[in-house]
Each structure stands twice: as C-alpha cells, then as structure tokens.
C-alpha cells in the first residue's frame, strides 16, 4: 500500500505503546523513522525491536519542527 504524504504521525505520551495497534512487525521493520537528536536519545528504551532491523530507515532531522520546516 502506498500512501502519499505523511501517513501516520504519533506525538503524545505513550504513543510507542500503541504502535502495534496500527502496524505489524513486518511494517515497522520497513518504516522510515524521522527524529531529533534529543527525542531519539529519550526514546531508546521504548523503541520496538523493529527499529534496529536492516530494512528500517533512520533520518535525523536537525531543523526546527515548525509547519514551514516540515
């Protein structure tokens, strides 16, 4: 399934606990993970195992998350 534009954006306390409500392990293994430096440091212990699989893409975003930047 191809979705144009941002398909799912989760940004609330406890959102990692609900990833499997929406995605399978196979889908998460191919996910594109976009994060800031501080955010990824804080999330390390909560990330699903699929985050570290070879098919997952990791993008460090160094900008400010304003509407014009994103």
PDB file of N, CA and C in Angstrom:
ATOM      1  N   UNK A   1       0.841  -1.173   0.000  1.00  0.00           N
ATOM      2  CA  UNK A   1       0.000   0.000   0.000  1.00  0.00           C
ATOM      3  C   UNK A   1       0.883   1.232   0.000  1.00  0.00           C
ATOM      4  N   UNK A   2       0.628   2.161  -0.890  1.00  0.00           N
ATOM      5  CA  UNK A   2       1.393   3.402  -0.974  1.00  0.00           C
ATOM      6  C   UNK A   2       0.514   4.548  -0.495  1.00  0.00           C
ATOM      7  N   UNK A   3       1.048   5.335   0.418  1.00  0.00           N
ATOM      8  CA  UNK A   3       0.323   6.494   0.927  1.00  0.00           C
ATOM      9  C   UNK A   3       1.146   7.723   0.599  1.00  0.00           C
ATOM     10  N   UNK A   4       0.534   8.674  -0.079  1.00  0.00           N
ATOM     11  CA  UNK A   4       1.227   9.912  -0.438  1.00  0.00           C
ATOM     12  C   UNK A   4       1.223  10.847   0.763  1.00  0.00           C
ATOM     13  N   UNK A   5       2.379  11.421   1.092  1.00  0.00           N
ATOM     14  CA  UNK A   5       2.472  12.360   2.215  1.00  0.00           C
ATOM     15  C   UNK A   5       2.604  11.625   3.532  1.00  0.00           C
ATOM     16  N   UNK A   6       2.639  12.404   4.623  1.00  0.00           N
ATOM     17  CA  UNK A   6       2.764  11.780   5.940  1.00  0.00           C
ATOM     18  C   UNK A   6       1.563  10.883   6.220  1.00  0.00           C
ATOM     19  N   UNK A   7       1.801   9.616   6.426  1.00  0.00           N
ATOM     20  CA  UNK A   7       0.700   8.682   6.632  1.00  0.00           C
ATOM     21  C   UNK A   7       0.239   8.674   8.083  1.00  0.00           C
ATOM     22  N   UNK A   8       1.156   8.517   8.988  1.00  0.00           N
ATOM     23  CA  UNK A   8       0.821   8.457  10.410  1.00  0.00           C
ATOM     24  C   UNK A   8       1.878   9.198  11.199  1.00  0.00           C
ATOM     25  N   UNK A   9       1.432  10.098  12.030  1.00  0.00           N
ATOM     26  CA  UNK A   9       2.339  10.880  12.857  1.00  0.00           C
ATOM     27  C   UNK A   9       1.865  10.746  14.289  1.00  0.00           C
ATOM     28  N   UNK A  10       2.683  10.170  15.137  1.00  0.00           N
ATOM     29  CA  UNK A  10       2.334   9.978  16.533  1.00  0.00           C
ATOM     30  C   UNK A  10       3.232  10.857  17.389  1.00  0.00           C
ATOM     31  N   UNK A  11       2.627  11.675  18.202  1.00  0.00           N
ATOM     32  CA  UNK A  11       3.407  12.544  19.077  1.00  0.00           C
ATOM     33  C   UNK A  11       2.616  12.826  20.349  1.00  0.00           C
ATOM     34  N   UNK A  12       2.569  11.855  21.206  1.00  0.00           N
ATOM     35  CA  UNK A  12       1.914  12.032  22.500  1.00  0.00           C
ATOM     36  C   UNK A  12       2.507  11.021  23.485  1.00  0.00           C
ATOM     37  N   UNK A  13       2.432  11.313  24.778  1.00  0.00           N
ATOM     38  CA  UNK A  13       2.969  10.374  25.764  1.00  0.00           C
ATOM     39  C   UNK A  13       2.340   8.989  25.600  1.00  0.00           C
ATOM     40  N   UNK A  14       3.171   7.983  25.561  1.00  0.00           N
ATOM     41  CA  UNK A  14       2.695   6.613  25.446  1.00  0.00           C
ATOM     42  C   UNK A  14       2.453   6.127  24.027  1.00  0.00           C
ATOM     43  N   UNK A  15       2.782   6.931  23.040  1.00  0.00           N
ATOM     44  CA  UNK A  15       2.483   6.539  21.654  1.00  0.00           C
ATOM     45  C   UNK A  15       3.241   5.280  21.224  1.00  0.00           C
ATOM     46  N   UNK A  16       4.442   5.055  21.733  1.00  0.00           N
ATOM     47  CA  UNK A  16       5.178   3.835  21.377  1.00  0.00           C
ATOM     48  C   UNK A  16       4.425   2.584  21.830  1.00  0.00           C
ATOM     49  N   UNK A  17       3.658   2.704  22.898  1.00  0.00           N
ATOM     50  CA  UNK A  17       2.899   1.560  23.398  1.00  0.00           C
ATOM     51  C   UNK A  17       1.771   1.150  22.462  1.00  0.00           C
ATOM     52  N   UNK A  18       1.427   1.991  21.499  1.00  0.00           N
ATOM     53  CA  UNK A  18       0.298   1.714  20.612  1.00  0.00           C
ATOM     54  C   UNK A  18       0.707   1.439  19.167  1.00  0.00           C
ATOM     55  N   UNK A  19       1.992   1.350  18.885  1.00  0.00           N
ATOM     56  CA  UNK A  19       2.430   1.105  17.511  1.00  0.00           C
ATOM     57  C   UNK A  19       1.833  -0.173  16.930  1.00  0.00           C
ATOM     58  N   UNK A  20       1.761  -1.212  17.740  1.00  0.00           N
ATOM     59  CA  UNK A  20       1.242  -2.486  17.229  1.00  0.00           C
ATOM     60  C   UNK A  20      -0.278  -2.482  17.080  1.00  0.00           C
ATOM     61  N   UNK A  21      -0.936  -1.434  17.534  1.00  0.00           N
ATOM     62  CA  UNK A  21      -2.366  -1.284  17.255  1.00  0.00           C
ATOM     63  C   UNK A  21      -2.581  -0.910  15.788  1.00  0.00           C
ATOM     64  N   UNK A  22      -1.566  -0.357  15.158  1.00  0.00           N
ATOM     65  CA  UNK A  22      -1.683   0.153  13.797  1.00  0.00           C
ATOM     66  C   UNK A  22      -0.771  -0.552  12.787  1.00  0.00           C
ATOM     67  N   UNK A  23       0.344  -1.102  13.263  1.00  0.00           N
ATOM     68  CA  UNK A  23       1.345  -1.665  12.349  1.00  0.00           C
ATOM     69  C   UNK A  23       1.770  -3.054  12.789  1.00  0.00           C
ATOM     70  N   UNK A  24       2.092  -3.893  11.821  1.00  0.00           N
ATOM     71  CA  UNK A  24       2.650  -5.212  12.118  1.00  0.00           C
ATOM     72  C   UNK A  24       4.164  -5.065  12.305  1.00  0.00           C
ATOM     73  N   UNK A  25       4.797  -6.107  12.838  1.00  0.00           N
ATOM     74  CA  UNK A  25       6.259  -6.088  12.975  1.00  0.00           C
ATOM     75  C   UNK A  25       6.922  -5.932  11.608  1.00  0.00           C
ATOM     76  N   UNK A  26       6.350  -6.578  10.604  1.00  0.00           N
ATOM     77  CA  UNK A  26       6.919  -6.505   9.254  1.00  0.00           C
ATOM     78  C   UNK A  26       6.847  -5.072   8.722  1.00  0.00           C
ATOM     79  N   UNK A  27       5.747  -4.386   8.960  1.00  0.00           N
ATOM     80  CA  UNK A  27       5.626  -2.992   8.520  1.00  0.00           C
ATOM     81  C   UNK A  27       6.619  -2.106   9.264  1.00  0.00           C
ATOM     82  N   UNK A  28       6.742  -2.303  10.559  1.00  0.00           N
ATOM     83  CA  UNK A  28       7.678  -1.493  11.346  1.00  0.00           C
ATOM     84  C   UNK A  28       9.120  -1.741  10.922  1.00  0.00           C
ATOM     85  N   UNK A  29       9.411  -2.939  10.434  1.00  0.00           N
ATOM     86  CA  UNK A  29      10.781  -3.246  10.007  1.00  0.00           C
ATOM     87  C   UNK A  29      11.164  -2.486   8.742  1.00  0.00           C
ATOM     88  N   UNK A  30      10.178  -1.923   8.037  1.00  0.00           N
ATOM     89  CA  UNK A  30      10.437  -1.143   6.820  1.00  0.00           C
ATOM     90  C   UNK A  30      10.059   0.324   6.996  1.00  0.00           C
ATOM     91  N   UNK A  31       9.820   0.733   8.219  1.00  0.00           N
ATOM     92  CA  UNK A  31       9.363   2.101   8.486  1.00  0.00           C
ATOM     93  C   UNK A  31      10.479   3.120   8.259  1.00  0.00           C
ATOM     94  N   UNK A  32      10.079   4.338   7.992  1.00  0.00           N
ATOM     95  CA  UNK A  32      11.009   5.469   7.940  1.00  0.00           C
ATOM     96  C   UNK A  32      10.830   6.208   9.259  1.00  0.00           C
ATOM     97  N   UNK A  33      11.874   6.232  10.052  1.00  0.00           N
ATOM     98  CA  UNK A  33      11.842   6.859  11.370  1.00  0.00           C
ATOM     99  C   UNK A  33      12.536   8.211  11.280  1.00  0.00           C
ATOM    100  N   UNK A  34      11.812   9.271  11.532  1.00  0.00           N
ATOM    101  CA  UNK A  34      12.360  10.628  11.493  1.00  0.00           C
ATOM    102  C   UNK A  34      12.324  11.163  12.917  1.00  0.00           C
ATOM    103  N   UNK A  35      13.455  11.677  13.378  1.00  0.00           N
ATOM    104  CA  UNK A  35      13.545  12.077  14.782  1.00  0.00           C
ATOM    105  C   UNK A  35      14.603  13.149  14.971  1.00  0.00           C
ATOM    106  N   UNK A  36      14.497  13.828  16.094  1.00  0.00           N
ATOM    107  CA  UNK A  36      15.506  14.784  16.517  1.00  0.00           C
ATOM    108  C   UNK A  36      16.498  14.105  17.449  1.00  0.00           C
ATOM    109  N   UNK A  37      17.625  14.742  17.660  1.00  0.00           N
ATOM    110  CA  UNK A  37      18.701  14.167  18.477  1.00  0.00           C
ATOM    111  C   UNK A  37      18.244  13.899  19.914  1.00  0.00           C
ATOM    112  N   UNK A  38      17.596  14.874  20.530  1.00  0.00           N
ATOM    113  CA  UNK A  38      17.137  14.684  21.913  1.00  0.00           C
ATOM    114  C   UNK A  38      15.998  13.673  21.996  1.00  0.00           C
ATOM    115  N   UNK A  39      15.126  13.695  20.997  1.00  0.00           N
ATOM    116  CA  UNK A  39      13.982  12.778  21.009  1.00  0.00           C
ATOM    117  C   UNK A  39      14.433  11.326  20.926  1.00  0.00           C
ATOM    118  N   UNK A  40      15.375  11.033  20.046  1.00  0.00           N
ATOM    119  CA  UNK A  40      15.813   9.648  19.890  1.00  0.00           C
ATOM    120  C   UNK A  40      16.581   9.181  21.129  1.00  0.00           C
ATOM    121  N   UNK A  41      17.318  10.076  21.759  1.00  0.00           N
ATOM    122  CA  UNK A  41      18.028   9.714  22.989  1.00  0.00           C
ATOM    123  C   UNK A  41      17.034   9.353  24.093  1.00  0.00           C
ATOM    124  N   UNK A  42      15.958  10.110  24.192  1.00  0.00           N
ATOM    125  CA  UNK A  42      14.949   9.854  25.221  1.00  0.00           C
ATOM    126  C   UNK A  42      14.133   8.599  24.924  1.00  0.00           C
ATOM    127  N   UNK A  43      14.010   8.237  23.662  1.00  0.00           N
ATOM    128  CA  UNK A  43      13.147   7.122  23.263  1.00  0.00           C
ATOM    129  C   UNK A  43      13.857   5.777  23.203  1.00  0.00           C
ATOM    130  N   UNK A  44      15.157   5.728  23.329  1.00  0.00           N
ATOM    131  CA  UNK A  44      15.924   4.492  23.110  1.00  0.00           C
ATOM    132  C   UNK A  44      15.355   3.278  23.837  1.00  0.00           C
ATOM    133  N   UNK A  45      14.944   3.414  25.063  1.00  0.00           N
ATOM    134  CA  UNK A  45      14.463   2.257  25.826  1.00  0.00           C
ATOM    135  C   UNK A  45      13.040   1.855  25.451  1.00  0.00           C
ATOM    136  N   UNK A  46      12.354   2.684  24.685  1.00  0.00           N
ATOM    137  CA  UNK A  46      10.958   2.414  24.338  1.00  0.00           C
ATOM    138  C   UNK A  46      10.759   1.981  22.887  1.00  0.00           C
ATOM    139  N   UNK A  47      11.815   2.030  22.091  1.00  0.00           N
ATOM    140  CA  UNK A  47      11.691   1.698  20.674  1.00  0.00           C
ATOM    141  C   UNK A  47      11.441   0.202  20.483  1.00  0.00           C
ATOM    142  N   UNK A  48      10.594  -0.152  19.509  1.00  0.00           N
ATOM    143  CA  UNK A  48      10.362  -1.575  19.249  1.00  0.00           C
ATOM    144  C   UNK A  48      11.601  -2.205  18.610  1.00  0.00           C
ATOM    145  N   UNK A  49      11.773  -3.510  18.745  1.00  0.00           N
ATOM    146  CA  UNK A  49      12.934  -4.178  18.137  1.00  0.00           C
ATOM    147  C   UNK A  49      13.059  -3.909  16.637  1.00  0.00           C
ATOM    148  N   UNK A  50      11.937  -3.713  15.954  1.00  0.00           N
ATOM    149  CA  UNK A  50      11.962  -3.478  14.506  1.00  0.00           C
ATOM    150  C   UNK A  50      12.737  -2.218  14.140  1.00  0.00           C
ATOM    151  N   UNK A  51      12.888  -1.294  15.064  1.00  0.00           N
ATOM    152  CA  UNK A  51      13.625  -0.054  14.803  1.00  0.00           C
ATOM    153  C   UNK A  51      15.055  -0.355  14.367  1.00  0.00           C
ATOM    154  N   UNK A  52      15.645  -1.397  14.922  1.00  0.00           N
ATOM    155  CA  UNK A  52      17.040  -1.726  14.632  1.00  0.00           C
ATOM    156  C   UNK A  52      17.256  -2.682  13.471  1.00  0.00           C
ATOM    157  N   UNK A  53      16.203  -3.106  12.816  1.00  0.00           N
ATOM    158  CA  UNK A  53      16.361  -4.049  11.706  1.00  0.00           C
ATOM    159  C   UNK A  53      16.910  -3.360  10.464  1.00  0.00           C
ATOM    160  N   UNK A  54      17.610  -4.111   9.600  1.00  0.00           N
ATOM    161  CA  UNK A  54      18.265  -3.516   8.426  1.00  0.00           C
ATOM    162  C   UNK A  54      17.328  -2.772   7.468  1.00  0.00           C
ATOM    163  N   UNK A  55      16.059  -3.176   7.383  1.00  0.00           N
ATOM    164  CA  UNK A  55      15.141  -2.525   6.452  1.00  0.00           C
ATOM    165  C   UNK A  55      14.586  -1.198   6.930  1.00  0.00           C
ATOM    166  N   UNK A  56      14.742  -0.897   8.211  1.00  0.00           N
ATOM    167  CA  UNK A  56      14.230   0.361   8.758  1.00  0.00           C
ATOM    168  C   UNK A  56      15.149   1.507   8.339  1.00  0.00           C
ATOM    169  N   UNK A  57      14.542   2.615   7.953  1.00  0.00           N
ATOM    170  CA  UNK A  57      15.322   3.778   7.531  1.00  0.00           C
ATOM    171  C   UNK A  57      15.292   4.808   8.651  1.00  0.00           C
ATOM    172  N   UNK A  58      16.454   5.383   8.952  1.00  0.00           N
ATOM    173  CA  UNK A  58      16.580   6.355  10.036  1.00  0.00           C
ATOM    174  C   UNK A  58      17.016   7.700   9.478  1.00  0.00           C
ATOM    175  N   UNK A  59      16.267   8.746   9.835  1.00  0.00           N
ATOM    176  CA  UNK A  59      16.581  10.092   9.360  1.00  0.00           C
ATOM    177  C   UNK A  59      16.640  11.031  10.557  1.00  0.00           C
ATOM    178  N   UNK A  60      17.819  11.595  10.788  1.00  0.00           N
ATOM    179  CA  UNK A  60      17.985  12.580  11.850  1.00  0.00           C
ATOM    180  C   UNK A  60      17.575  13.943  11.302  1.00  0.00           C
ATOM    181  N   UNK A  61      16.553  14.538  11.892  1.00  0.00           N
ATOM    182  CA  UNK A  61      16.064  15.853  11.480  1.00  0.00           C
ATOM    183  C   UNK A  61      16.740  16.900  12.360  1.00  0.00           C
ATOM    184  N   UNK A  62      17.486  17.808  11.749  1.00  0.00           N
ATOM    185  CA  UNK A  62      18.247  18.803  12.507  1.00  0.00           C
ATOM    186  C   UNK A  62      17.576  20.171  12.543  1.00  0.00           C
ATOM    187  N   UNK A  63      16.425  20.282  11.910  1.00  0.00           N
ATOM    188  CA  UNK A  63      15.726  21.565  11.873  1.00  0.00           C
ATOM    189  C   UNK A  63      14.799  21.747  13.055  1.00  0.00           C
ATOM    190  N   UNK A  64      14.025  22.788  12.978  1.00  0.00           N
ATOM    191  CA  UNK A  64      13.010  23.072  13.988  1.00  0.00           C
ATOM    192  C   UNK A  64      11.683  22.571  13.443  1.00  0.00           C
ATOM    193  N   UNK A  65      10.908  21.896  14.239  1.00  0.00           N
ATOM    194  CA  UNK A  65       9.647  21.319  13.761  1.00  0.00           C
ATOM    195  C   UNK A  65       8.534  22.363  13.692  1.00  0.00           C
ATOM    196  N   UNK A  66       8.714  23.308  12.816  1.00  0.00           N
ATOM    197  CA  UNK A  66       7.636  24.259  12.554  1.00  0.00           C
ATOM    198  C   UNK A  66       6.925  23.809  11.287  1.00  0.00           C
ATOM    199  N   UNK A  67       5.744  24.308  11.052  1.00  0.00           N
ATOM    200  CA  UNK A  67       4.986  23.898   9.872  1.00  0.00           C
ATOM    201  C   UNK A  67       5.751  24.191   8.588  1.00  0.00           C
ATOM    202  N   UNK A  68       6.461  25.314   8.543  1.00  0.00           N
ATOM    203  CA  UNK A  68       7.197  25.660   7.323  1.00  0.00           C
ATOM    204  C   UNK A  68       8.412  24.757   7.107  1.00  0.00           C
ATOM    205  N   UNK A  69       9.046  24.278   8.180  1.00  0.00           N
ATOM    206  CA  UNK A  69      10.197  23.388   8.048  1.00  0.00           C
ATOM    207  C   UNK A  69       9.793  21.980   7.643  1.00  0.00           C
ATOM    208  N   UNK A  70       8.681  21.524   8.152  1.00  0.00           N
ATOM    209  CA  UNK A  70       8.246  20.156   7.887  1.00  0.00           C
ATOM    210  C   UNK A  70       7.490  20.136   6.591  1.00  0.00           C
TER     211      UNK A  70
END
